[in-house]
């Protein structure tokens, strides 16, 4: 089932992210077209925003950093991120059925 910004594949969650770097705080904003908008404080320089995004998502979904992977979009604002077996879900993401 495809929802705005994410899709479940078994117990793995794939997030279609629209990233806004250099924000005032780290937060998952909500739907942004077919993506999930996420704001982070890190600048988009030397991969810092990507690393910050992965650490932020690991904290939000309560998983080790090793279970969060950037699949595509290394140099783009739109990214595909995979989270294996998330232990906690933000309100806008429904559990897998």
C-alpha atoms as a PDB file:
ATOM      1  CA  UNK A   1       0.000   0.000   0.000  1.00  0.00           C
ATOM      2  CA  UNK A   2       1.454   3.372  -1.043  1.00  0.00           C
ATOM      3  CA  UNK A   3       0.809   6.312   1.247  1.00  0.00           C
ATOM      4  CA  UNK A   4       2.028   9.855   0.900  1.00  0.00           C
ATOM      5  CA  UNK A   5       5.758   9.723   1.448  1.00  0.00           C
ATOM      6  CA  UNK A   6       6.264   6.118   2.501  1.00  0.00           C
ATOM      7  CA  UNK A   7       5.748   2.488   1.615  1.00  0.00           C
ATOM      8  CA  UNK A   8       6.085  -0.706   3.647  1.00  0.00           C
ATOM      9  CA  UNK A   9       7.936  -3.723   2.254  1.00  0.00           C
ATOM     10  CA  UNK A  10       7.432  -6.390   4.885  1.00  0.00           C
ATOM     11  CA  UNK A  11       8.903  -4.972   8.094  1.00  0.00           C
ATOM     12  CA  UNK A  12      11.051  -2.451   6.205  1.00  0.00           C
ATOM     13  CA  UNK A  13       9.838   1.117   5.763  1.00  0.00           C
ATOM     14  CA  UNK A  14      10.882   3.184   2.746  1.00  0.00           C
ATOM     15  CA  UNK A  15      10.519   6.943   3.072  1.00  0.00           C
ATOM     16  CA  UNK A  16      10.285   9.220   0.049  1.00  0.00           C
ATOM     17  CA  UNK A  17      11.743  12.359   1.598  1.00  0.00           C
ATOM     18  CA  UNK A  18      11.770  15.996   0.566  1.00  0.00           C
ATOM     19  CA  UNK A  19      14.569  17.471   2.677  1.00  0.00           C
ATOM     20  CA  UNK A  20      14.843  21.066   3.843  1.00  0.00           C
ATOM     21  CA  UNK A  21      18.351  21.663   5.214  1.00  0.00           C
ATOM     22  CA  UNK A  22      19.392  24.640   7.390  1.00  0.00           C
ATOM     23  CA  UNK A  23      16.064  24.695   9.228  1.00  0.00           C
ATOM     24  CA  UNK A  24      15.658  26.107  12.725  1.00  0.00           C
ATOM     25  CA  UNK A  25      15.015  22.617  14.152  1.00  0.00           C
ATOM     26  CA  UNK A  26      14.882  18.936  13.195  1.00  0.00           C
ATOM     27  CA  UNK A  27      11.344  17.744  12.517  1.00  0.00           C
ATOM     28  CA  UNK A  28       9.128  15.604  10.332  1.00  0.00           C
ATOM     29  CA  UNK A  29       6.687  18.118   8.887  1.00  0.00           C
ATOM     30  CA  UNK A  30       4.268  15.904   6.966  1.00  0.00           C
ATOM     31  CA  UNK A  31       3.159  15.317   3.372  1.00  0.00           C
ATOM     32  CA  UNK A  32       4.787  17.345   0.583  1.00  0.00           C
ATOM     33  CA  UNK A  33       3.329  16.140  -2.715  1.00  0.00           C
ATOM     34  CA  UNK A  34       4.256  12.442  -2.960  1.00  0.00           C
ATOM     35  CA  UNK A  35       7.040  12.890  -0.393  1.00  0.00           C
ATOM     36  CA  UNK A  36       7.367  13.304   3.347  1.00  0.00           C
ATOM     37  CA  UNK A  37       8.878  16.698   4.187  1.00  0.00           C
ATOM     38  CA  UNK A  38      11.628  16.662   6.797  1.00  0.00           C
ATOM     39  CA  UNK A  39      13.488  19.705   8.112  1.00  0.00           C
ATOM     40  CA  UNK A  40      16.972  19.416   9.574  1.00  0.00           C
ATOM     41  CA  UNK A  41      19.407  21.956  10.992  1.00  0.00           C
ATOM     42  CA  UNK A  42      22.509  20.738   9.119  1.00  0.00           C
ATOM     43  CA  UNK A  43      23.744  22.538   5.988  1.00  0.00           C
ATOM     44  CA  UNK A  44      23.830  20.738   2.625  1.00  0.00           C
ATOM     45  CA  UNK A  45      27.644  20.678   2.539  1.00  0.00           C
ATOM     46  CA  UNK A  46      29.986  17.680   2.168  1.00  0.00           C
ATOM     47  CA  UNK A  47      27.237  15.155   2.915  1.00  0.00           C
ATOM     48  CA  UNK A  48      26.554  16.661   6.355  1.00  0.00           C
ATOM     49  CA  UNK A  49      22.819  16.995   5.687  1.00  0.00           C
ATOM     50  CA  UNK A  50      22.566  13.343   4.620  1.00  0.00           C
ATOM     51  CA  UNK A  51      24.395  12.084   7.707  1.00  0.00           C
ATOM     52  CA  UNK A  52      22.341  14.348   9.959  1.00  0.00           C
ATOM     53  CA  UNK A  53      19.134  13.100   8.316  1.00  0.00           C
ATOM     54  CA  UNK A  54      20.066   9.446   8.898  1.00  0.00           C
ATOM     55  CA  UNK A  55      20.954  10.092  12.565  1.00  0.00           C
ATOM     56  CA  UNK A  56      17.709  12.037  13.068  1.00  0.00           C
ATOM     57  CA  UNK A  57      15.616   9.245  11.524  1.00  0.00           C
ATOM     58  CA  UNK A  58      17.390   6.609  13.618  1.00  0.00           C
ATOM     59  CA  UNK A  59      16.398   8.551  16.759  1.00  0.00           C
ATOM     60  CA  UNK A  60      12.828   9.194  15.583  1.00  0.00           C
ATOM     61  CA  UNK A  61      12.186   5.559  14.666  1.00  0.00           C
ATOM     62  CA  UNK A  62      14.228   4.216  17.634  1.00  0.00           C
ATOM     63  CA  UNK A  63      16.576   2.036  15.606  1.00  0.00           C
ATOM     64  CA  UNK A  64      20.378   1.774  15.433  1.00  0.00           C
ATOM     65  CA  UNK A  65      21.978   3.945  12.755  1.00  0.00           C
ATOM     66  CA  UNK A  66      23.008   0.734  10.964  1.00  0.00           C
ATOM     67  CA  UNK A  67      19.305   0.054  10.206  1.00  0.00           C
ATOM     68  CA  UNK A  68      18.867   3.355   8.324  1.00  0.00           C
ATOM     69  CA  UNK A  69      20.165   3.655   4.760  1.00  0.00           C
ATOM     70  CA  UNK A  70      20.085   6.340   2.087  1.00  0.00           C
ATOM     71  CA  UNK A  71      19.158   4.449  -1.093  1.00  0.00           C
ATOM     72  CA  UNK A  72      19.082   7.379  -3.521  1.00  0.00           C
ATOM     73  CA  UNK A  73      19.222  11.167  -3.696  1.00  0.00           C
ATOM     74  CA  UNK A  74      22.668  11.786  -2.214  1.00  0.00           C
ATOM     75  CA  UNK A  75      22.933  15.182  -3.974  1.00  0.00           C
ATOM     76  CA  UNK A  76      19.216  15.997  -4.207  1.00  0.00           C
ATOM     77  CA  UNK A  77      16.525  17.344  -1.920  1.00  0.00           C
ATOM     78  CA  UNK A  78      14.381  14.335  -2.776  1.00  0.00           C
ATOM     79  CA  UNK A  79      15.714  11.161  -1.222  1.00  0.00           C
ATOM     80  CA  UNK A  80      14.760   7.529  -0.721  1.00  0.00           C
ATOM     81  CA  UNK A  81      15.566   6.281   2.781  1.00  0.00           C
ATOM     82  CA  UNK A  82      15.101   2.758   4.105  1.00  0.00           C
ATOM     83  CA  UNK A  83      14.484   1.944   7.775  1.00  0.00           C
ATOM     84  CA  UNK A  84      14.604  -1.686   8.854  1.00  0.00           C
ATOM     85  CA  UNK A  85      12.190  -2.774  11.591  1.00  0.00           C
ATOM     86  CA  UNK A  86      11.263   0.649  13.014  1.00  0.00           C
ATOM     87  CA  UNK A  87      10.361   0.442  16.710  1.00  0.00           C
ATOM     88  CA  UNK A  88       8.456   3.730  16.855  1.00  0.00           C
ATOM     89  CA  UNK A  89       6.366   5.522  14.210  1.00  0.00           C
ATOM     90  CA  UNK A  90       5.533   9.233  13.903  1.00  0.00           C
ATOM     91  CA  UNK A  91       1.773   9.968  13.901  1.00  0.00           C
ATOM     92  CA  UNK A  92       1.563  10.448  10.116  1.00  0.00           C
ATOM     93  CA  UNK A  93       2.919   6.923   9.387  1.00  0.00           C
ATOM     94  CA  UNK A  94       0.593   3.962   9.822  1.00  0.00           C
ATOM     95  CA  UNK A  95       1.939   0.562  10.844  1.00  0.00           C
ATOM     96  CA  UNK A  96       2.348  -2.164   8.233  1.00  0.00           C
ATOM     97  CA  UNK A  97      -0.722  -4.357   7.865  1.00  0.00           C
END
